């Protein structure tokens, strides 16, 4: 990393916390939570051997921390959208999903009557 930083005549980055750098400060700026990073470090364990892990594993730990508290939103472009209206649809549906240890979890699913369908051309 020092070689990259020192040899670039005009670096496109300014500091070590640039999100494009695979440093701790860089991945924290990219959206990694401290709890996700701690969980990832603890999963590697204490060892003198080198552990090679993929990036998707560290982001999977982060996703497990973020998913219960952050909603996921989707944005669509205005081009290619077709309005679609559901008639006689219920407003809410209650589902029960099986979880571990023989328990069921109640989930409420909200159904919207006006939706948009994206047509990819």
PDB file of N, CA and C in Angstrom:
ATOM      1  N   UNK A   1       0.823  -1.190   0.000  1.00  0.00           N
ATOM      2  CA  UNK A   1       0.000   0.000   0.000  1.00  0.00           C
ATOM      3  C   UNK A   1       0.866   1.252   0.000  1.00  0.00           C
ATOM      4  N   UNK A   2       1.949   1.245   0.750  1.00  0.00           N
ATOM      5  CA  UNK A   2       2.825   2.405   0.764  1.00  0.00           C
ATOM      6  C   UNK A   2       3.420   2.625  -0.617  1.00  0.00           C
ATOM      7  N   UNK A   3       3.726   1.531  -1.299  1.00  0.00           N
ATOM      8  CA  UNK A   3       4.273   1.625  -2.648  1.00  0.00           C
ATOM      9  C   UNK A   3       3.271   2.313  -3.577  1.00  0.00           C
ATOM     10  N   UNK A   4       2.015   1.942  -3.503  1.00  0.00           N
ATOM     11  CA  UNK A   4       0.986   2.563  -4.338  1.00  0.00           C
ATOM     12  C   UNK A   4       0.871   4.053  -4.017  1.00  0.00           C
ATOM     13  N   UNK A   5       0.859   4.361  -2.746  1.00  0.00           N
ATOM     14  CA  UNK A   5       0.686   5.743  -2.315  1.00  0.00           C
ATOM     15  C   UNK A   5       1.879   6.609  -2.702  1.00  0.00           C
ATOM     16  N   UNK A   6       3.076   6.062  -2.586  1.00  0.00           N
ATOM     17  CA  UNK A   6       4.280   6.851  -2.844  1.00  0.00           C
ATOM     18  C   UNK A   6       4.627   6.981  -4.320  1.00  0.00           C
ATOM     19  N   UNK A   7       4.310   5.983  -5.133  1.00  0.00           N
ATOM     20  CA  UNK A   7       4.725   5.996  -6.531  1.00  0.00           C
ATOM     21  C   UNK A   7       3.759   6.707  -7.456  1.00  0.00           C
ATOM     22  N   UNK A   8       2.553   6.985  -7.041  1.00  0.00           N
ATOM     23  CA  UNK A   8       1.606   7.698  -7.901  1.00  0.00           C
ATOM     24  C   UNK A   8       2.007   9.163  -7.980  1.00  0.00           C
ATOM     25  N   UNK A   9       2.252   9.685  -9.202  1.00  0.00           N
ATOM     26  CA  UNK A   9       2.645  11.087  -9.299  1.00  0.00           C
ATOM     27  C   UNK A   9       1.519  12.032  -8.876  1.00  0.00           C
ATOM     28  N   UNK A  10       0.316  11.730  -9.288  1.00  0.00           N
ATOM     29  CA  UNK A  10      -0.851  12.506  -8.843  1.00  0.00           C
ATOM     30  C   UNK A  10      -1.905  11.514  -8.390  1.00  0.00           C
ATOM     31  N   UNK A  11      -1.870  11.129  -7.151  1.00  0.00           N
ATOM     32  CA  UNK A  11      -2.834  10.110  -6.701  1.00  0.00           C
ATOM     33  C   UNK A  11      -4.272  10.627  -6.759  1.00  0.00           C
ATOM     34  N   UNK A  12      -5.175   9.746  -7.154  1.00  0.00           N
ATOM     35  CA  UNK A  12      -6.588  10.111  -7.216  1.00  0.00           C
ATOM     36  C   UNK A  12      -7.203  10.108  -5.821  1.00  0.00           C
ATOM     37  N   UNK A  13      -6.502   9.564  -4.864  1.00  0.00           N
ATOM     38  CA  UNK A  13      -6.984   9.529  -3.493  1.00  0.00           C
ATOM     39  C   UNK A  13      -6.208  10.539  -2.669  1.00  0.00           C
ATOM     40  N   UNK A  14      -6.773  10.905  -1.544  1.00  0.00           N
ATOM     41  CA  UNK A  14      -6.127  11.916  -0.720  1.00  0.00           C
ATOM     42  C   UNK A  14      -5.550  11.358   0.566  1.00  0.00           C
ATOM     43  N   UNK A  15      -6.263  10.390   1.186  1.00  0.00           N
ATOM     44  CA  UNK A  15      -5.836   9.898   2.500  1.00  0.00           C
ATOM     45  C   UNK A  15      -5.980   8.384   2.548  1.00  0.00           C
ATOM     46  N   UNK A  16      -5.531   7.803   3.660  1.00  0.00           N
ATOM     47  CA  UNK A  16      -5.615   6.355   3.850  1.00  0.00           C
ATOM     48  C   UNK A  16      -7.037   5.888   4.106  1.00  0.00           C
ATOM     49  N   UNK A  17      -7.952   6.802   4.437  1.00  0.00           N
ATOM     50  CA  UNK A  17      -9.330   6.382   4.678  1.00  0.00           C
ATOM     51  C   UNK A  17     -10.184   6.469   3.416  1.00  0.00           C
ATOM     52  N   UNK A  18      -9.551   6.503   2.255  1.00  0.00           N
ATOM     53  CA  UNK A  18     -10.278   6.481   0.991  1.00  0.00           C
ATOM     54  C   UNK A  18     -11.042   5.153   0.900  1.00  0.00           C
ATOM     55  N   UNK A  19     -12.320   5.176   0.537  1.00  0.00           N
ATOM     56  CA  UNK A  19     -13.103   3.926   0.482  1.00  0.00           C
ATOM     57  C   UNK A  19     -12.587   2.908  -0.525  1.00  0.00           C
ATOM     58  N   UNK A  20     -11.770   3.326  -1.453  1.00  0.00           N
ATOM     59  CA  UNK A  20     -11.226   2.387  -2.441  1.00  0.00           C
ATOM     60  C   UNK A  20     -10.055   1.593  -1.892  1.00  0.00           C
ATOM     61  N   UNK A  21      -9.497   2.024  -0.769  1.00  0.00           N
ATOM     62  CA  UNK A  21      -8.383   1.311  -0.155  1.00  0.00           C
ATOM     63  C   UNK A  21      -8.898   0.194   0.741  1.00  0.00           C
ATOM     64  N   UNK A  22      -8.251  -0.983   0.734  1.00  0.00           N
ATOM     65  CA  UNK A  22      -8.674  -2.071   1.624  1.00  0.00           C
ATOM     66  C   UNK A  22      -8.075  -1.939   3.021  1.00  0.00           C
ATOM     67  N   UNK A  23      -8.165  -0.752   3.590  1.00  0.00           N
ATOM     68  CA  UNK A  23      -7.705  -0.535   4.961  1.00  0.00           C
ATOM     69  C   UNK A  23      -8.918  -0.521   5.880  1.00  0.00           C
ATOM     70  N   UNK A  24      -8.682  -0.597   7.180  1.00  0.00           N
ATOM     71  CA  UNK A  24      -9.791  -0.574   8.137  1.00  0.00           C
ATOM     72  C   UNK A  24     -10.560   0.740   8.009  1.00  0.00           C
ATOM     73  N   UNK A  25      -9.841   1.837   7.924  1.00  0.00           N
ATOM     74  CA  UNK A  25     -10.505   3.140   7.780  1.00  0.00           C
ATOM     75  C   UNK A  25     -11.257   3.217   6.457  1.00  0.00           C
ATOM     76  N   UNK A  26     -10.706   2.622   5.404  1.00  0.00           N
ATOM     77  CA  UNK A  26     -11.365   2.643   4.106  1.00  0.00           C
ATOM     78  C   UNK A  26     -12.658   1.861   4.083  1.00  0.00           C
ATOM     79  N   UNK A  27     -12.654   0.657   4.680  1.00  0.00           N
ATOM     80  CA  UNK A  27     -13.894  -0.124   4.660  1.00  0.00           C
ATOM     81  C   UNK A  27     -14.921   0.422   5.643  1.00  0.00           C
ATOM     82  N   UNK A  28     -14.473   1.109   6.691  1.00  0.00           N
ATOM     83  CA  UNK A  28     -15.441   1.765   7.573  1.00  0.00           C
ATOM     84  C   UNK A  28     -16.136   2.908   6.843  1.00  0.00           C
ATOM     85  N   UNK A  29     -15.417   3.628   5.996  1.00  0.00           N
ATOM     86  CA  UNK A  29     -16.042   4.689   5.207  1.00  0.00           C
ATOM     87  C   UNK A  29     -16.933   4.123   4.116  1.00  0.00           C
ATOM     88  N   UNK A  30     -16.689   2.890   3.707  1.00  0.00           N
ATOM     89  CA  UNK A  30     -17.507   2.263   2.676  1.00  0.00           C
ATOM     90  C   UNK A  30     -18.840   1.762   3.226  1.00  0.00           C
ATOM     91  N   UNK A  31     -18.966   1.660   4.553  1.00  0.00           N
ATOM     92  CA  UNK A  31     -20.231   1.249   5.142  1.00  0.00           C
ATOM     93  C   UNK A  31     -20.129   0.093   6.111  1.00  0.00           C
ATOM     94  N   UNK A  32     -18.943  -0.356   6.401  1.00  0.00           N
ATOM     95  CA  UNK A  32     -18.761  -1.441   7.357  1.00  0.00           C
ATOM     96  C   UNK A  32     -19.031  -0.931   8.762  1.00  0.00           C
ATOM     97  N   UNK A  33     -19.771  -1.716   9.538  1.00  0.00           N
ATOM     98  CA  UNK A  33     -20.014  -1.358  10.930  1.00  0.00           C
ATOM     99  C   UNK A  33     -18.904  -1.934  11.804  1.00  0.00           C
ATOM    100  N   UNK A  34     -18.695  -1.308  12.934  1.00  0.00           N
ATOM    101  CA  UNK A  34     -17.651  -1.779  13.855  1.00  0.00           C
ATOM    102  C   UNK A  34     -18.011  -3.159  14.389  1.00  0.00           C
ATOM    103  N   UNK A  35     -19.301  -3.377  14.660  1.00  0.00           N
ATOM    104  CA  UNK A  35     -19.740  -4.683  15.162  1.00  0.00           C
ATOM    105  C   UNK A  35     -19.509  -5.773  14.117  1.00  0.00           C
ATOM    106  N   UNK A  36     -19.778  -5.478  12.841  1.00  0.00           N
ATOM    107  CA  UNK A  36     -19.518  -6.445  11.776  1.00  0.00           C
ATOM    108  C   UNK A  36     -18.047  -6.754  11.626  1.00  0.00           C
ATOM    109  N   UNK A  37     -17.215  -5.735  11.780  1.00  0.00           N
ATOM    110  CA  UNK A  37     -15.769  -5.936  11.699  1.00  0.00           C
ATOM    111  C   UNK A  37     -15.255  -6.776  12.866  1.00  0.00           C
ATOM    112  N   UNK A  38     -15.778  -6.517  14.075  1.00  0.00           N
ATOM    113  CA  UNK A  38     -15.383  -7.322  15.239  1.00  0.00           C
ATOM    114  C   UNK A  38     -15.794  -8.781  15.065  1.00  0.00           C
ATOM    115  N   UNK A  39     -16.997  -9.011  14.554  1.00  0.00           N
ATOM    116  CA  UNK A  39     -17.471 -10.378  14.346  1.00  0.00           C
ATOM    117  C   UNK A  39     -16.597 -11.104  13.323  1.00  0.00           C
ATOM    118  N   UNK A  40     -16.223 -10.400  12.274  1.00  0.00           N
ATOM    119  CA  UNK A  40     -15.350 -10.999  11.257  1.00  0.00           C
ATOM    120  C   UNK A  40     -13.985 -11.351  11.838  1.00  0.00           C
ATOM    121  N   UNK A  41     -13.415 -10.460  12.623  1.00  0.00           N
ATOM    122  CA  UNK A  41     -12.099 -10.708  13.219  1.00  0.00           C
ATOM    123  C   UNK A  41     -12.150 -11.884  14.182  1.00  0.00           C
ATOM    124  N   UNK A  42     -13.216 -11.963  14.985  1.00  0.00           N
ATOM    125  CA  UNK A  42     -13.356 -13.079  15.914  1.00  0.00           C
ATOM    126  C   UNK A  42     -13.585 -14.399  15.192  1.00  0.00           C
ATOM    127  N   UNK A  43     -14.212 -14.363  14.008  1.00  0.00           N
ATOM    128  CA  UNK A  43     -14.449 -15.605  13.267  1.00  0.00           C
ATOM    129  C   UNK A  43     -13.141 -16.181  12.715  1.00  0.00           C
ATOM    130  N   UNK A  44     -12.146 -15.321  12.462  1.00  0.00           N
ATOM    131  CA  UNK A  44     -10.856 -15.821  11.974  1.00  0.00           C
ATOM    132  C   UNK A  44     -10.092 -16.528  13.082  1.00  0.00           C
ATOM    133  N   UNK A  45     -10.242 -16.080  14.319  1.00  0.00           N
ATOM    134  CA  UNK A  45      -9.558 -16.716  15.432  1.00  0.00           C
ATOM    135  C   UNK A  45      -8.108 -16.276  15.538  1.00  0.00           C
ATOM    136  N   UNK A  46      -7.538 -16.575  16.685  1.00  0.00           N
ATOM    137  CA  UNK A  46      -6.134 -16.236  16.927  1.00  0.00           C
ATOM    138  C   UNK A  46      -5.263 -17.368  16.402  1.00  0.00           C
ATOM    139  N   UNK A  47      -4.390 -17.040  15.456  1.00  0.00           N
ATOM    140  CA  UNK A  47      -3.536 -18.058  14.868  1.00  0.00           C
ATOM    141  C   UNK A  47      -2.302 -17.387  14.284  1.00  0.00           C
ATOM    142  N   UNK A  48      -1.202 -18.125  14.251  1.00  0.00           N
ATOM    143  CA  UNK A  48       0.003 -17.610  13.615  1.00  0.00           C
ATOM    144  C   UNK A  48      -0.029 -17.838  12.115  1.00  0.00           C
ATOM    145  N   UNK A  49      -0.904 -18.714  11.667  1.00  0.00           N
ATOM    146  CA  UNK A  49      -1.016 -19.013  10.241  1.00  0.00           C
ATOM    147  C   UNK A  49      -1.768 -17.895   9.530  1.00  0.00           C
ATOM    148  N   UNK A  50      -1.477 -17.752   8.251  1.00  0.00           N
ATOM    149  CA  UNK A  50      -2.158 -16.754   7.438  1.00  0.00           C
ATOM    150  C   UNK A  50      -3.516 -17.292   7.006  1.00  0.00           C
ATOM    151  N   UNK A  51      -4.550 -16.486   7.177  1.00  0.00           N
ATOM    152  CA  UNK A  51      -5.890 -16.861   6.741  1.00  0.00           C
ATOM    153  C   UNK A  51      -6.242 -16.069   5.489  1.00  0.00           C
ATOM    154  N   UNK A  52      -6.602 -16.768   4.446  1.00  0.00           N
ATOM    155  CA  UNK A  52      -7.068 -16.102   3.239  1.00  0.00           C
ATOM    156  C   UNK A  52      -8.588 -16.178   3.215  1.00  0.00           C
ATOM    157  N   UNK A  53      -9.227 -15.026   3.243  1.00  0.00           N
ATOM    158  CA  UNK A  53     -10.682 -14.977   3.212  1.00  0.00           C
ATOM    159  C   UNK A  53     -11.117 -14.048   2.099  1.00  0.00           C
ATOM    160  N   UNK A  54     -12.279 -14.313   1.559  1.00  0.00           N
ATOM    161  CA  UNK A  54     -12.824 -13.499   0.487  1.00  0.00           C
ATOM    162  C   UNK A  54     -13.533 -12.280   1.059  1.00  0.00           C
ATOM    163  N   UNK A  55     -13.684 -11.256   0.221  1.00  0.00           N
ATOM    164  CA  UNK A  55     -14.362 -10.035   0.652  1.00  0.00           C
ATOM    165  C   UNK A  55     -15.838 -10.279   0.935  1.00  0.00           C
ATOM    166  N   UNK A  56     -16.448 -11.243   0.240  1.00  0.00           N
ATOM    167  CA  UNK A  56     -17.878 -11.460   0.462  1.00  0.00           C
ATOM    168  C   UNK A  56     -18.165 -11.964   1.877  1.00  0.00           C
ATOM    169  N   UNK A  57     -17.199 -12.592   2.511  1.00  0.00           N
ATOM    170  CA  UNK A  57     -17.412 -13.065   3.876  1.00  0.00           C
ATOM    171  C   UNK A  57     -17.486 -11.902   4.863  1.00  0.00           C
ATOM    172  N   UNK A  58     -16.614 -10.910   4.716  1.00  0.00           N
ATOM    173  CA  UNK A  58     -16.651  -9.768   5.633  1.00  0.00           C
ATOM    174  C   UNK A  58     -17.933  -8.959   5.421  1.00  0.00           C
ATOM    175  N   UNK A  59     -18.381  -8.838   4.168  1.00  0.00           N
ATOM    176  CA  UNK A  59     -19.618  -8.088   3.926  1.00  0.00           C
ATOM    177  C   UNK A  59     -20.844  -8.893   4.361  1.00  0.00           C
ATOM    178  N   UNK A  60     -20.756 -10.211   4.387  1.00  0.00           N
ATOM    179  CA  UNK A  60     -21.865 -11.027   4.899  1.00  0.00           C
ATOM    180  C   UNK A  60     -22.036 -10.817   6.403  1.00  0.00           C
ATOM    181  N   UNK A  61     -20.922 -10.705   7.138  1.00  0.00           N
ATOM    182  CA  UNK A  61     -21.018 -10.391   8.564  1.00  0.00           C
ATOM    183  C   UNK A  61     -21.622  -9.010   8.782  1.00  0.00           C
ATOM    184  N   UNK A  62     -21.250  -8.074   7.950  1.00  0.00           N
ATOM    185  CA  UNK A  62     -21.799  -6.725   8.062  1.00  0.00           C
ATOM    186  C   UNK A  62     -23.298  -6.722   7.758  1.00  0.00           C
ATOM    187  N   UNK A  63     -23.694  -7.498   6.756  1.00  0.00           N
ATOM    188  CA  UNK A  63     -25.112  -7.581   6.393  1.00  0.00           C
ATOM    189  C   UNK A  63     -25.938  -8.172   7.533  1.00  0.00           C
ATOM    190  N   UNK A  64     -25.376  -9.154   8.237  1.00  0.00           N
ATOM    191  CA  UNK A  64     -26.087  -9.752   9.365  1.00  0.00           C
ATOM    192  C   UNK A  64     -26.304  -8.748  10.491  1.00  0.00           C
ATOM    193  N   UNK A  65     -25.405  -7.774  10.628  1.00  0.00           N
ATOM    194  CA  UNK A  65     -25.549  -6.743  11.655  1.00  0.00           C
ATOM    195  C   UNK A  65     -26.551  -5.679  11.204  1.00  0.00           C
ATOM    196  N   UNK A  66     -26.515  -5.315   9.937  1.00  0.00           N
ATOM    197  CA  UNK A  66     -27.329  -4.209   9.431  1.00  0.00           C
ATOM    198  C   UNK A  66     -28.777  -4.608   9.168  1.00  0.00           C
ATOM    199  N   UNK A  67     -29.026  -5.814   8.666  1.00  0.00           N
ATOM    200  CA  UNK A  67     -30.369  -6.204   8.224  1.00  0.00           C
ATOM    201  C   UNK A  67     -31.476  -6.022   9.256  1.00  0.00           C
ATOM    202  N   UNK A  68     -31.277  -6.350  10.530  1.00  0.00           N
ATOM    203  CA  UNK A  68     -32.391  -6.169  11.476  1.00  0.00           C
ATOM    204  C   UNK A  68     -32.760  -4.711  11.740  1.00  0.00           C
ATOM    205  N   UNK A  69     -31.883  -3.771  11.459  1.00  0.00           N
ATOM    206  CA  UNK A  69     -32.157  -2.382  11.833  1.00  0.00           C
ATOM    207  C   UNK A  69     -32.319  -1.438  10.650  1.00  0.00           C
ATOM    208  N   UNK A  70     -31.887  -1.809   9.451  1.00  0.00           N
ATOM    209  CA  UNK A  70     -31.937  -0.894   8.317  1.00  0.00           C
ATOM    210  C   UNK A  70     -32.924  -1.392   7.264  1.00  0.00           C
ATOM    211  N   UNK A  71     -33.840  -0.536   6.842  1.00  0.00           N
ATOM    212  CA  UNK A  71     -34.754  -0.950   5.775  1.00  0.00           C
ATOM    213  C   UNK A  71     -34.045  -0.944   4.427  1.00  0.00           C
ATOM    214  N   UNK A  72     -34.494  -1.792   3.537  1.00  0.00           N
ATOM    215  CA  UNK A  72     -33.935  -1.830   2.185  1.00  0.00           C
ATOM    216  C   UNK A  72     -34.916  -1.144   1.248  1.00  0.00           C
ATOM    217  N   UNK A  73     -34.426  -0.211   0.478  1.00  0.00           N
ATOM    218  CA  UNK A  73     -35.242   0.542  -0.458  1.00  0.00           C
ATOM    219  C   UNK A  73     -34.727   0.315  -1.870  1.00  0.00           C
ATOM    220  N   UNK A  74     -35.639   0.422  -2.822  1.00  0.00           N
ATOM    221  CA  UNK A  74     -35.283   0.248  -4.213  1.00  0.00           C
ATOM    222  C   UNK A  74     -35.707   1.483  -4.986  1.00  0.00           C
ATOM    223  N   UNK A  75     -34.849   1.969  -5.832  1.00  0.00           N
ATOM    224  CA  UNK A  75     -35.171   3.122  -6.675  1.00  0.00           C
ATOM    225  C   UNK A  75     -35.214   2.665  -8.125  1.00  0.00           C
ATOM    226  N   UNK A  76     -36.160   3.217  -8.879  1.00  0.00           N
ATOM    227  CA  UNK A  76     -36.309   2.872 -10.287  1.00  0.00           C
ATOM    228  C   UNK A  76     -36.204   4.127 -11.134  1.00  0.00           C
ATOM    229  N   UNK A  77     -35.676   3.973 -12.327  1.00  0.00           N
ATOM    230  CA  UNK A  77     -35.634   5.084 -13.265  1.00  0.00           C
ATOM    231  C   UNK A  77     -37.024   5.333 -13.833  1.00  0.00           C
ATOM    232  N   UNK A  78     -37.298   6.544 -14.244  1.00  0.00           N
ATOM    233  CA  UNK A  78     -38.619   6.880 -14.773  1.00  0.00           C
ATOM    234  C   UNK A  78     -38.850   6.258 -16.145  1.00  0.00           C
ATOM    235  N   UNK A  79     -37.788   6.006 -16.882  1.00  0.00           N
ATOM    236  CA  UNK A  79     -37.937   5.414 -18.210  1.00  0.00           C
ATOM    237  C   UNK A  79     -38.185   3.919 -18.101  1.00  0.00           C
ATOM    238  N   UNK A  80     -39.129   3.418 -18.863  1.00  0.00           N
ATOM    239  CA  UNK A  80     -39.402   1.999 -18.904  1.00  0.00           C
ATOM    240  C   UNK A  80     -40.342   1.494 -17.825  1.00  0.00           C
ATOM    241  N   UNK A  81     -40.968   2.384 -17.051  1.00  0.00           N
ATOM    242  CA  UNK A  81     -41.898   1.956 -16.005  1.00  0.00           C
ATOM    243  C   UNK A  81     -43.320   1.907 -16.547  1.00  0.00           C
ATOM    244  N   UNK A  82     -44.032   0.853 -16.190  1.00  0.00           N
ATOM    245  CA  UNK A  82     -45.425   0.694 -16.585  1.00  0.00           C
ATOM    246  C   UNK A  82     -46.253   0.598 -15.308  1.00  0.00           C
ATOM    247  N   UNK A  83     -47.261   1.494 -15.124  1.00  0.00           N
ATOM    248  CA  UNK A  83     -48.092   1.403 -13.921  1.00  0.00           C
ATOM    249  C   UNK A  83     -48.984   0.160 -13.969  1.00  0.00           C
ATOM    250  N   UNK A  84     -49.146  -0.461 -12.823  1.00  0.00           N
ATOM    251  CA  UNK A  84     -49.942  -1.686 -12.714  1.00  0.00           C
ATOM    252  C   UNK A  84     -50.805  -1.577 -11.465  1.00  0.00           C
ATOM    253  N   UNK A  85     -52.107  -1.851 -11.601  1.00  0.00           N
ATOM    254  CA  UNK A  85     -53.032  -1.738 -10.477  1.00  0.00           C
ATOM    255  C   UNK A  85     -53.628  -3.105 -10.158  1.00  0.00           C
ATOM    256  N   UNK A  86     -53.525  -3.502  -8.890  1.00  0.00           N
ATOM    257  CA  UNK A  86     -54.131  -4.749  -8.431  1.00  0.00           C
ATOM    258  C   UNK A  86     -55.520  -4.446  -7.894  1.00  0.00           C
ATOM    259  N   UNK A  87     -56.499  -5.176  -8.363  1.00  0.00           N
ATOM    260  CA  UNK A  87     -57.861  -4.981  -7.846  1.00  0.00           C
ATOM    261  C   UNK A  87     -58.213  -6.134  -6.917  1.00  0.00           C
ATOM    262  N   UNK A  88     -58.999  -5.840  -5.898  1.00  0.00           N
ATOM    263  CA  UNK A  88     -59.459  -6.820  -4.903  1.00  0.00           C
ATOM    264  C   UNK A  88     -58.307  -7.483  -4.149  1.00  0.00           C
ATOM    265  N   UNK A  89     -57.240  -6.781  -3.944  1.00  0.00           N
ATOM    266  CA  UNK A  89     -56.107  -7.328  -3.196  1.00  0.00           C
ATOM    267  C   UNK A  89     -56.242  -6.942  -1.728  1.00  0.00           C
ATOM    268  N   UNK A  90     -55.919  -7.857  -0.803  1.00  0.00           N
ATOM    269  CA  UNK A  90     -55.983  -7.496   0.613  1.00  0.00           C
ATOM    270  C   UNK A  90     -54.892  -6.483   0.960  1.00  0.00           C
ATOM    271  N   UNK A  91     -55.117  -5.703   1.997  1.00  0.00           N
ATOM    272  CA  UNK A  91     -54.143  -4.693   2.411  1.00  0.00           C
ATOM    273  C   UNK A  91     -52.947  -5.319   3.135  1.00  0.00           C
ATOM    274  N   UNK A  92     -53.199  -6.428   3.835  1.00  0.00           N
ATOM    275  CA  UNK A  92     -52.152  -7.036   4.657  1.00  0.00           C
ATOM    276  C   UNK A  92     -52.371  -8.537   4.718  1.00  0.00           C
ATOM    277  N   UNK A  93     -51.283  -9.289   4.730  1.00  0.00           N
ATOM    278  CA  UNK A  93     -51.340 -10.743   4.833  1.00  0.00           C
ATOM    279  C   UNK A  93     -50.404 -11.152   5.966  1.00  0.00           C
ATOM    280  N   UNK A  94     -50.862 -12.060   6.813  1.00  0.00           N
ATOM    281  CA  UNK A  94     -50.042 -12.552   7.906  1.00  0.00           C
ATOM    282  C   UNK A  94     -49.504 -13.932   7.538  1.00  0.00           C
ATOM    283  N   UNK A  95     -48.189 -14.071   7.599  1.00  0.00           N
ATOM    284  CA  UNK A  95     -47.536 -15.336   7.298  1.00  0.00           C
ATOM    285  C   UNK A  95     -46.820 -15.839   8.533  1.00  0.00           C
ATOM    286  N   UNK A  96     -46.677 -17.136   8.638  1.00  0.00           N
ATOM    287  CA  UNK A  96     -45.924 -17.731   9.732  1.00  0.00           C
ATOM    288  C   UNK A  96     -44.785 -18.525   9.125  1.00  0.00           C
ATOM    289  N   UNK A  97     -43.560 -18.184   9.493  1.00  0.00           N
ATOM    290  CA  UNK A  97     -42.376 -18.883   9.003  1.00  0.00           C
ATOM    291  C   UNK A  97     -41.782 -19.702  10.124  1.00  0.00           C
ATOM    292  N   UNK A  98     -41.340 -20.890   9.765  1.00  0.00           N
ATOM    293  CA  UNK A  98     -40.701 -21.772  10.723  1.00  0.00           C
ATOM    294  C   UNK A  98     -39.272 -21.309  10.969  1.00  0.00           C
ATOM    295  N   UNK A  99     -38.904 -21.197  12.215  1.00  0.00           N
ATOM    296  CA  UNK A  99     -37.536 -20.848  12.603  1.00  0.00           C
ATOM    297  C   UNK A  99     -36.932 -22.003  13.380  1.00  0.00           C
ATOM    298  N   UNK A 100     -35.713 -21.852  13.794  1.00  0.00           N
ATOM    299  CA  UNK A 100     -35.052 -22.911  14.537  1.00  0.00           C
ATOM    300  C   UNK A 100     -35.693 -23.098  15.904  1.00  0.00           C
ATOM    301  N   UNK A 101     -35.414 -24.225  16.511  1.00  0.00           N
ATOM    302  CA  UNK A 101     -35.914 -24.603  17.841  1.00  0.00           C
ATOM    303  C   UNK A 101     -37.440 -24.698  17.896  1.00  0.00           C
ATOM    304  N   UNK A 102     -38.027 -25.146  16.810  1.00  0.00           N
ATOM    305  CA  UNK A 102     -39.463 -25.422  16.735  1.00  0.00           C
ATOM    306  C   UNK A 102     -40.332 -24.212  17.091  1.00  0.00           C
ATOM    307  N   UNK A 103     -39.946 -23.047  16.616  1.00  0.00           N
ATOM    308  CA  UNK A 103     -40.789 -21.874  16.824  1.00  0.00           C
ATOM    309  C   UNK A 103     -41.197 -21.302  15.480  1.00  0.00           C
ATOM    310  N   UNK A 104     -42.326 -20.642  15.506  1.00  0.00           N
ATOM    311  CA  UNK A 104     -42.811 -19.947  14.333  1.00  0.00           C
ATOM    312  C   UNK A 104     -42.740 -18.453  14.587  1.00  0.00           C
ATOM    313  N   UNK A 105     -42.415 -17.714  13.557  1.00  0.00           N
ATOM    314  CA  UNK A 105     -42.324 -16.268  13.652  1.00  0.00           C
ATOM    315  C   UNK A 105     -43.419 -15.666  12.783  1.00  0.00           C
ATOM    316  N   UNK A 106     -44.144 -14.709  13.331  1.00  0.00           N
ATOM    317  CA  UNK A 106     -45.238 -14.066  12.608  1.00  0.00           C
ATOM    318  C   UNK A 106     -44.680 -12.905  11.790  1.00  0.00           C
ATOM    319  N   UNK A 107     -44.983 -12.900  10.498  1.00  0.00           N
ATOM    320  CA  UNK A 107     -44.538 -11.836   9.603  1.00  0.00           C
ATOM    321  C   UNK A 107     -45.753 -11.171   8.984  1.00  0.00           C
ATOM    322  N   UNK A 108     -45.783  -9.853   8.982  1.00  0.00           N
ATOM    323  CA  UNK A 108     -46.846  -9.111   8.316  1.00  0.00           C
ATOM    324  C   UNK A 108     -46.323  -8.617   6.976  1.00  0.00           C
ATOM    325  N   UNK A 109     -47.020  -8.971   5.911  1.00  0.00           N
ATOM    326  CA  UNK A 109     -46.645  -8.549   4.568  1.00  0.00           C
ATOM    327  C   UNK A 109     -47.708  -7.578   4.089  1.00  0.00           C
ATOM    328  N   UNK A 110     -47.284  -6.381   3.715  1.00  0.00           N
ATOM    329  CA  UNK A 110     -48.206  -5.363   3.227  1.00  0.00           C
ATOM    330  C   UNK A 110     -48.251  -5.425   1.704  1.00  0.00           C
ATOM    331  N   UNK A 111     -49.453  -5.364   1.170  1.00  0.00           N
ATOM    332  CA  UNK A 111     -49.652  -5.457  -0.269  1.00  0.00           C
ATOM    333  C   UNK A 111     -50.116  -4.098  -0.772  1.00  0.00           C
ATOM    334  N   UNK A 112     -49.422  -3.594  -1.761  1.00  0.00           N
ATOM    335  CA  UNK A 112     -49.777  -2.308  -2.354  1.00  0.00           C
ATOM    336  C   UNK A 112     -50.573  -2.549  -3.628  1.00  0.00           C
ATOM    337  N   UNK A 113     -51.594  -1.744  -3.844  1.00  0.00           N
ATOM    338  CA  UNK A 113     -52.443  -1.941  -5.017  1.00  0.00           C
ATOM    339  C   UNK A 113     -51.907  -1.225  -6.246  1.00  0.00           C
ATOM    340  N   UNK A 114     -51.101  -0.186  -6.065  1.00  0.00           N
ATOM    341  CA  UNK A 114     -50.523   0.537  -7.200  1.00  0.00           C
ATOM    342  C   UNK A 114     -49.016   0.290  -7.211  1.00  0.00           C
ATOM    343  N   UNK A 115     -48.558  -0.429  -8.226  1.00  0.00           N
ATOM    344  CA  UNK A 115     -47.133  -0.734  -8.343  1.00  0.00           C
ATOM    345  C   UNK A 115     -46.654  -0.368  -9.742  1.00  0.00           C
ATOM    346  N   UNK A 116     -45.339  -0.368  -9.908  1.00  0.00           N
ATOM    347  CA  UNK A 116     -44.727  -0.119 -11.211  1.00  0.00           C
ATOM    348  C   UNK A 116     -43.901  -1.317 -11.614  1.00  0.00           C
ATOM    349  N   UNK A 117     -44.002  -1.676 -12.874  1.00  0.00           N
ATOM    350  CA  UNK A 117     -43.235  -2.778 -13.429  1.00  0.00           C
ATOM    351  C   UNK A 117     -42.196  -2.179 -14.365  1.00  0.00           C
ATOM    352  N   UNK A 118     -40.952  -2.586 -14.195  1.00  0.00           N
ATOM    353  CA  UNK A 118     -39.885  -2.073 -15.045  1.00  0.00           C
ATOM    354  C   UNK A 118     -39.721  -3.000 -16.233  1.00  0.00           C
ATOM    355  N   UNK A 119     -39.787  -2.440 -17.421  1.00  0.00           N
ATOM    356  CA  UNK A 119     -39.611  -3.214 -18.648  1.00  0.00           C
ATOM    357  C   UNK A 119     -38.224  -2.903 -19.193  1.00  0.00           C
ATOM    358  N   UNK A 120     -37.377  -3.913 -19.239  1.00  0.00           N
ATOM    359  CA  UNK A 120     -36.012  -3.760 -19.727  1.00  0.00           C
ATOM    360  C   UNK A 120     -36.005  -3.950 -21.224  1.00  0.00           C
ATOM    361  N   UNK A 121     -35.558  -2.948 -21.940  1.00  0.00           N
ATOM    362  CA  UNK A 121     -35.548  -3.014 -23.418  1.00  0.00           C
ATOM    363  C   UNK A 121     -34.130  -3.091 -23.908  1.00  0.00           C
TER     364      UNK A 121
END
